[in-house]
Amino acid sequence: MHEAKYTPISRGWLGFWSLIYSIVLIVGAVGLGFALTFGRPSAVYRVLTDRRSLPAIEAKVNSAVLAVAQGQGLELPADTPVTPKRELKSALKTGLAISANFNEVPASSMVVAGYVARGTTAATPLDVTLLTNAITARIAMFAQSGDLAYSGEMRTQTEAQVQDMMQTKIIKELMLQGWGLVYPMLILVVQTAAIVGGILAVIALLIMLYCSHNWQRWFKVAGRVTYVTGFLGGFGAMVVGTRTFTDVFGGSVGGLDPIVFHQLLSTFAPTWQRLAGIVVLIGLSLALVGQVMRLMQRRKATVKE
């Protein structure tokens, strides 16, 4: 490359494309980080069924079911565990797989056959009948163990109301209007961002090389921009994983319980931090190569003198 061609104009263009490179690097890295975490239904499922998230989800379902039962005159204790964990996990697993595939049944091992409605024209193939039946059976069991009157019209009305509530809360509000609507678009966006960001970053690096007119200068500038961006990304990942950050949103996000939302971010944040660390190492390596080349150039100049 010709050092004589490096002019103030070249320096300006190099600065401009370095800024563009940092932006597309952020877009690509964020997209890749989200694709490796939120973009994998199996990873999200592990968080939803951990020791903090699952009890929060279970408590939310219990509260809604007990409120329906109380409305029909059945007074069960507020801490009655009417939601069975096994059925709840199966519904969560299948719901995640279906929502990630735009409310279509995917060819995935996550799908539990009993929770898929076959041959239906419904907006989502998720079927929570097994979960609903398990809940109503436990209501009857706890009513019997507590010597509470629960039979005839009262039982029929309670079971019908529980079924309607499950259809409204899970199918309509969660799968069709909340998480099920947002999640597949999130996966599509982050995967696209990772691919497009990576391609644009390579293009920006090539243009930076052209503007540098010197390999040593390109390694130095590209390396510095890369590791500075990586450091900022790592700091951002640390902040996102804190309780303070999730509390800013308040309430639920996409129908998710605040505890579950915090668990997702705090669990995935280390992955994002490691990705930022890899970016930092790449940047430092590039900058180191540039520094070595500069030292070699100085040594050659000294020998010639």
Protein backbone atom coordinates (compact mmCIF):
# COMPACT_ATOMS: atom_id res chain seq x y z
CA MET A 1 0.00 0.00 0.00
CA HIS A 2 1.12 3.56 -0.64
CA GLU A 3 1.76 5.59 2.50
CA ALA A 4 1.98 8.81 0.44
CA LYS A 5 -1.72 8.51 -0.40
CA TYR A 6 -2.72 8.86 3.28
CA THR A 7 -3.98 12.46 3.37
CA PRO A 8 -6.17 14.43 5.81
CA ILE A 9 -9.12 13.46 3.63
CA SER A 10 -8.18 9.78 4.03
CA ARG A 11 -7.91 10.32 7.77
CA GLY A 12 -11.43 11.77 7.83
CA TRP A 13 -12.88 8.90 5.85
CA LEU A 14 -11.07 6.42 8.09
CA GLY A 15 -12.66 8.04 11.14
CA PHE A 16 -16.08 8.02 9.52
CA TRP A 17 -15.95 4.35 8.54
CA SER A 18 -14.53 3.45 11.95
CA LEU A 19 -17.70 4.91 13.44
CA ILE A 20 -19.84 2.95 10.96
CA TYR A 21 -17.88 -0.19 11.80
CA SER A 22 -18.47 0.27 15.53
CA ILE A 23 -22.22 0.66 14.95
CA VAL A 24 -22.61 -2.44 12.75
CA LEU A 25 -20.34 -4.38 15.12
CA ILE A 26 -22.70 -3.55 17.97
CA VAL A 27 -25.71 -4.55 15.88
CA GLY A 28 -24.12 -7.84 14.85
CA ALA A 29 -22.83 -8.70 18.33
CA VAL A 30 -26.14 -7.88 20.02
CA GLY A 31 -28.00 -9.90 17.40
CA LEU A 32 -25.65 -12.86 17.87
CA GLY A 33 -25.88 -12.64 21.66
CA PHE A 34 -29.66 -12.64 21.58
CA ALA A 35 -29.73 -15.42 18.97
CA LEU A 36 -27.61 -17.62 21.25
CA THR A 37 -29.93 -17.02 24.21
CA PHE A 38 -33.47 -15.78 23.53
CA GLY A 39 -33.25 -17.26 20.04
CA ARG A 40 -33.03 -20.81 21.43
CA PRO A 41 -36.35 -22.05 22.88
CA SER A 42 -34.52 -24.79 24.77
CA ALA A 43 -32.42 -22.19 26.60
CA VAL A 44 -35.50 -20.12 27.45
CA TYR A 45 -37.28 -23.27 28.67
CA ARG A 46 -34.43 -24.07 31.07
CA VAL A 47 -34.78 -20.62 32.61
CA LEU A 48 -38.59 -20.83 32.83
CA THR A 49 -38.35 -24.11 34.73
CA ASP A 50 -35.53 -23.22 37.12
CA ARG A 51 -35.98 -22.96 40.89
CA ARG A 52 -37.07 -19.30 40.81
CA SER A 53 -39.06 -18.94 37.59
CA LEU A 54 -41.24 -22.05 37.79
CA PRO A 55 -42.59 -21.29 41.30
CA ALA A 56 -43.41 -17.74 40.14
CA ILE A 57 -45.30 -19.06 37.10
CA GLU A 58 -47.01 -21.71 39.19
CA ALA A 59 -48.06 -19.13 41.79
CA LYS A 60 -49.54 -16.92 39.08
CA VAL A 61 -51.61 -19.79 37.67
CA ASN A 62 -52.65 -20.89 41.17
CA SER A 63 -53.83 -17.42 42.04
CA ALA A 64 -55.95 -17.14 38.89
CA VAL A 65 -57.49 -20.60 39.37
CA LEU A 66 -58.25 -20.07 43.06
CA ALA A 67 -59.88 -16.74 42.25
CA VAL A 68 -62.22 -18.54 39.82
CA ALA A 69 -63.01 -21.22 42.41
CA GLN A 70 -63.68 -18.59 45.06
CA GLY A 71 -66.04 -16.83 42.67
CA GLN A 72 -68.08 -20.02 42.51
CA GLY A 73 -68.19 -20.31 46.30
CA LEU A 74 -65.34 -22.77 46.84
CA GLU A 75 -63.05 -21.35 49.54
CA LEU A 76 -59.69 -23.07 49.22
CA PRO A 77 -56.62 -21.78 51.13
CA ALA A 78 -54.62 -19.20 49.20
CA ASP A 79 -51.52 -21.42 49.17
CA THR A 80 -53.29 -24.47 47.72
CA PRO A 81 -51.04 -25.94 44.96
CA VAL A 82 -53.70 -26.66 42.35
CA THR A 83 -51.25 -26.49 39.42
CA PRO A 84 -49.24 -29.70 38.85
CA LYS A 85 -45.60 -29.02 37.95
CA ARG A 86 -45.24 -31.81 35.38
CA GLU A 87 -48.21 -30.70 33.30
CA LEU A 88 -47.19 -27.06 33.62
CA LYS A 89 -43.69 -27.86 32.33
CA SER A 90 -45.14 -29.77 29.38
CA ALA A 91 -47.40 -26.85 28.50
CA LEU A 92 -44.49 -24.40 28.77
CA LYS A 93 -42.21 -26.56 26.64
CA THR A 94 -44.79 -27.04 23.88
CA GLY A 95 -45.94 -23.42 24.00
CA LEU A 96 -42.37 -22.16 23.56
CA ALA A 97 -41.72 -24.45 20.60
CA ILE A 98 -44.97 -23.46 18.89
CA SER A 99 -44.58 -19.72 19.54
CA ALA A 100 -41.01 -19.76 18.20
CA ASN A 101 -42.37 -21.22 14.95
CA PHE A 102 -45.02 -18.50 14.42
CA ASN A 103 -47.77 -20.57 16.09
CA GLU A 104 -47.11 -23.60 13.92
CA VAL A 105 -46.14 -27.05 15.19
CA PRO A 106 -42.38 -27.46 14.57
CA ALA A 107 -40.46 -30.68 14.08
CA SER A 108 -38.94 -30.33 17.52
CA SER A 109 -38.28 -32.68 20.41
CA MET A 110 -39.68 -29.98 22.71
CA VAL A 111 -43.24 -30.60 21.49
CA VAL A 112 -45.32 -32.77 23.83
CA ALA A 113 -47.91 -34.56 21.69
CA GLY A 114 -50.70 -34.26 24.25
CA TYR A 115 -50.52 -30.47 24.12
CA VAL A 116 -50.98 -30.16 20.36
CA ALA A 117 -54.45 -29.85 18.83
CA ARG A 118 -54.48 -31.87 15.62
CA GLY A 119 -56.71 -31.10 12.68
CA THR A 120 -57.87 -27.72 13.96
CA THR A 121 -58.23 -24.31 12.35
CA ALA A 122 -57.50 -22.44 15.59
CA ALA A 123 -55.02 -19.56 15.53
CA THR A 124 -52.57 -21.62 17.61
CA PRO A 125 -52.24 -25.40 17.80
CA LEU A 126 -51.40 -25.28 21.51
CA ASP A 127 -53.96 -27.29 23.50
CA VAL A 128 -54.00 -26.87 27.28
CA THR A 129 -56.80 -29.37 27.92
CA LEU A 130 -54.49 -31.80 29.77
CA LEU A 131 -53.24 -29.02 32.04
CA THR A 132 -56.79 -27.77 32.65
CA ASN A 133 -58.05 -31.27 33.47
CA ALA A 134 -55.16 -31.82 35.86
CA ILE A 135 -55.95 -28.54 37.61
CA THR A 136 -59.66 -29.27 37.97
CA ALA A 137 -58.85 -32.75 39.29
CA ARG A 138 -56.60 -31.23 41.95
CA ILE A 139 -59.31 -28.72 42.88
CA ALA A 140 -61.68 -31.62 43.50
CA MET A 141 -59.00 -33.48 45.47
CA PHE A 142 -58.24 -30.53 47.76
CA ALA A 143 -61.95 -29.79 48.20
CA GLN A 144 -62.53 -33.38 49.29
CA SER A 145 -59.54 -33.43 51.66
CA GLY A 146 -60.80 -30.19 53.19
CA ASP A 147 -64.36 -31.50 53.59
CA LEU A 148 -65.71 -28.72 51.39
CA ALA A 149 -68.95 -28.93 49.45
CA TYR A 150 -67.97 -29.35 45.81
CA SER A 151 -70.37 -31.24 43.58
CA GLY A 152 -73.22 -30.88 41.13
CA GLU A 153 -73.80 -27.48 39.53
CA MET A 154 -71.07 -25.86 41.61
CA ARG A 155 -68.40 -28.23 40.31
CA THR A 156 -69.68 -28.05 36.74
CA GLN A 157 -69.63 -24.24 36.77
CA THR A 158 -66.19 -24.10 38.40
CA GLU A 159 -64.64 -26.44 35.86
CA ALA A 160 -66.23 -24.52 32.99
CA GLN A 161 -64.97 -21.22 34.38
CA VAL A 162 -61.45 -22.62 34.88
CA GLN A 163 -61.44 -23.87 31.29
CA ASP A 164 -62.56 -20.45 29.99
CA MET A 165 -59.95 -18.70 32.12
CA MET A 166 -57.15 -20.95 30.85
CA GLN A 167 -58.22 -20.38 27.27
CA THR A 168 -58.32 -16.62 27.78
CA LYS A 169 -55.09 -16.23 29.78
CA ILE A 170 -52.89 -18.75 27.98
CA ILE A 171 -54.24 -19.07 24.46
CA LYS A 172 -55.60 -15.59 23.80
CA GLU A 173 -53.56 -13.22 25.98
CA LEU A 174 -50.23 -15.10 26.08
CA MET A 175 -49.98 -17.05 22.84
CA LEU A 176 -51.90 -14.77 20.47
CA GLN A 177 -51.36 -11.30 21.97
CA GLY A 178 -48.34 -11.45 24.28
CA TRP A 179 -45.28 -13.67 24.29
CA GLY A 180 -46.46 -15.81 21.39
CA LEU A 181 -46.74 -12.72 19.19
CA VAL A 182 -43.44 -11.10 20.23
CA TYR A 183 -41.17 -14.15 20.54
CA PRO A 184 -41.05 -15.36 16.90
CA MET A 185 -40.46 -11.81 15.66
CA LEU A 186 -37.67 -11.41 18.22
CA ILE A 187 -35.97 -14.57 16.95
CA LEU A 188 -36.28 -13.43 13.33
CA VAL A 189 -34.96 -9.94 14.09
CA VAL A 190 -31.93 -11.04 16.12
CA GLN A 191 -30.92 -13.70 13.61
CA THR A 192 -31.19 -11.16 10.80
CA ALA A 193 -29.25 -8.60 12.84
CA ALA A 194 -26.45 -11.09 13.50
CA ILE A 195 -26.08 -12.02 9.82
CA VAL A 196 -26.48 -8.53 8.36
CA GLY A 197 -24.34 -6.95 11.08
CA GLY A 198 -21.53 -9.43 10.43
CA ILE A 199 -21.60 -8.83 6.67
CA LEU A 200 -21.67 -5.04 7.04
CA ALA A 201 -18.83 -5.19 9.60
CA VAL A 202 -16.63 -7.03 7.09
CA ILE A 203 -17.50 -4.49 4.38
CA ALA A 204 -16.71 -1.60 6.73
CA LEU A 205 -13.36 -3.19 7.62
CA LEU A 206 -12.46 -3.50 3.93
CA ILE A 207 -13.32 0.15 3.32
CA MET A 208 -11.27 1.11 6.40
CA LEU A 209 -8.35 -0.85 4.90
CA TYR A 210 -8.67 1.12 1.67
CA CYS A 211 -8.76 4.43 3.56
CA SER A 212 -5.78 3.47 5.74
CA HIS A 213 -3.33 2.93 2.85
CA ASN A 214 -1.27 1.00 5.36
CA TRP A 215 -1.71 -2.41 7.01
CA GLN A 216 -0.15 -1.29 10.28
CA ARG A 217 -2.53 1.66 10.56
CA TRP A 218 -5.52 -0.55 9.70
CA PHE A 219 -4.66 -3.13 12.34
CA LYS A 220 -4.18 -0.40 14.93
CA VAL A 221 -7.43 1.47 14.20
CA ALA A 222 -9.58 -1.61 13.63
CA GLY A 223 -8.21 -3.23 16.78
CA ARG A 224 -8.82 -0.20 18.96
CA VAL A 225 -12.36 0.32 17.70
CA THR A 226 -13.10 -3.39 18.20
CA TYR A 227 -11.85 -3.71 21.78
CA VAL A 228 -13.39 -0.40 22.88
CA THR A 229 -16.74 -1.54 21.47
CA GLY A 230 -16.28 -4.88 23.21
CA PHE A 231 -15.58 -3.21 26.56
CA LEU A 232 -18.72 -1.08 26.21
CA GLY A 233 -20.75 -4.16 25.26
CA GLY A 234 -19.46 -6.07 28.28
CA PHE A 235 -20.36 -3.20 30.59
CA GLY A 236 -23.82 -3.04 29.02
CA ALA A 237 -24.31 -6.78 29.55
CA MET A 238 -23.39 -6.38 33.22
CA VAL A 239 -25.95 -3.60 33.64
CA VAL A 240 -28.71 -5.50 31.83
CA GLY A 241 -28.29 -8.45 34.19
CA THR A 242 -28.88 -6.37 37.32
CA ARG A 243 -32.14 -6.18 39.25
CA THR A 244 -32.16 -2.38 38.92
CA PHE A 245 -32.33 -2.60 35.14
CA THR A 246 -35.26 -5.03 35.09
CA ASP A 247 -37.12 -2.99 37.71
CA VAL A 248 -37.12 -0.05 35.30
CA PHE A 249 -39.64 -1.88 33.11
CA GLY A 250 -42.02 -2.51 36.01
CA GLY A 251 -44.93 -4.95 35.76
CA SER A 252 -44.72 -7.71 33.19
CA VAL A 253 -43.19 -7.75 29.72
CA GLY A 254 -45.05 -9.64 26.99
CA GLY A 255 -47.19 -11.31 29.64
CA LEU A 256 -44.14 -12.51 31.60
CA ASP A 257 -43.96 -12.28 35.35
CA PRO A 258 -41.33 -9.70 36.50
CA ILE A 259 -39.44 -12.44 38.36
CA VAL A 260 -39.28 -14.56 35.19
CA PHE A 261 -38.18 -11.56 33.11
CA HIS A 262 -35.38 -10.84 35.58
CA GLN A 263 -34.32 -14.50 35.57
CA LEU A 264 -34.08 -14.52 31.79
CA LEU A 265 -31.84 -11.45 31.70
CA SER A 266 -29.68 -12.43 34.67
CA THR A 267 -29.20 -15.96 33.29
CA PHE A 268 -28.37 -14.83 29.77
CA ALA A 269 -26.17 -11.87 30.77
CA PRO A 270 -23.04 -14.03 31.37
CA THR A 271 -23.30 -15.35 27.79
CA TRP A 272 -23.43 -11.79 26.50
CA GLN A 273 -20.46 -10.87 28.69
CA ARG A 274 -18.42 -13.78 27.33
CA LEU A 275 -19.29 -12.73 23.78
CA ALA A 276 -18.15 -9.19 24.58
CA GLY A 277 -14.94 -10.66 26.01
CA ILE A 278 -14.29 -12.50 22.74
CA VAL A 279 -14.77 -9.22 20.84
CA VAL A 280 -12.29 -7.53 23.21
CA LEU A 281 -9.71 -10.29 22.66
CA ILE A 282 -10.09 -10.00 18.88
CA GLY A 283 -9.63 -6.24 19.10
CA LEU A 284 -6.58 -6.52 21.33
CA SER A 285 -5.07 -9.08 18.97
CA LEU A 286 -5.55 -6.79 15.98
CA ALA A 287 -4.09 -3.83 17.87
CA LEU A 288 -1.14 -5.97 18.99
CA VAL A 289 -0.39 -6.98 15.39
CA GLY A 290 -0.47 -3.31 14.42
CA GLN A 291 1.91 -2.41 17.25
CA VAL A 292 4.33 -5.22 16.27
CA MET A 293 4.30 -4.05 12.66
CA ARG A 294 5.02 -0.50 13.83
CA LEU A 295 8.00 -1.64 15.89
CA MET A 296 9.33 -3.62 12.93
CA GLN A 297 9.00 -0.56 10.70
CA ARG A 298 10.91 1.56 13.22
CA ARG A 299 13.64 -1.07 13.50
CA LYS A 300 14.03 -1.18 9.73
CA ALA A 301 14.21 2.61 9.59
CA THR A 302 16.89 2.63 12.33
CA VAL A 303 18.98 0.01 10.50
CA LYS A 304 18.86 2.02 7.26
CA GLU A 305 20.08 5.12 9.07
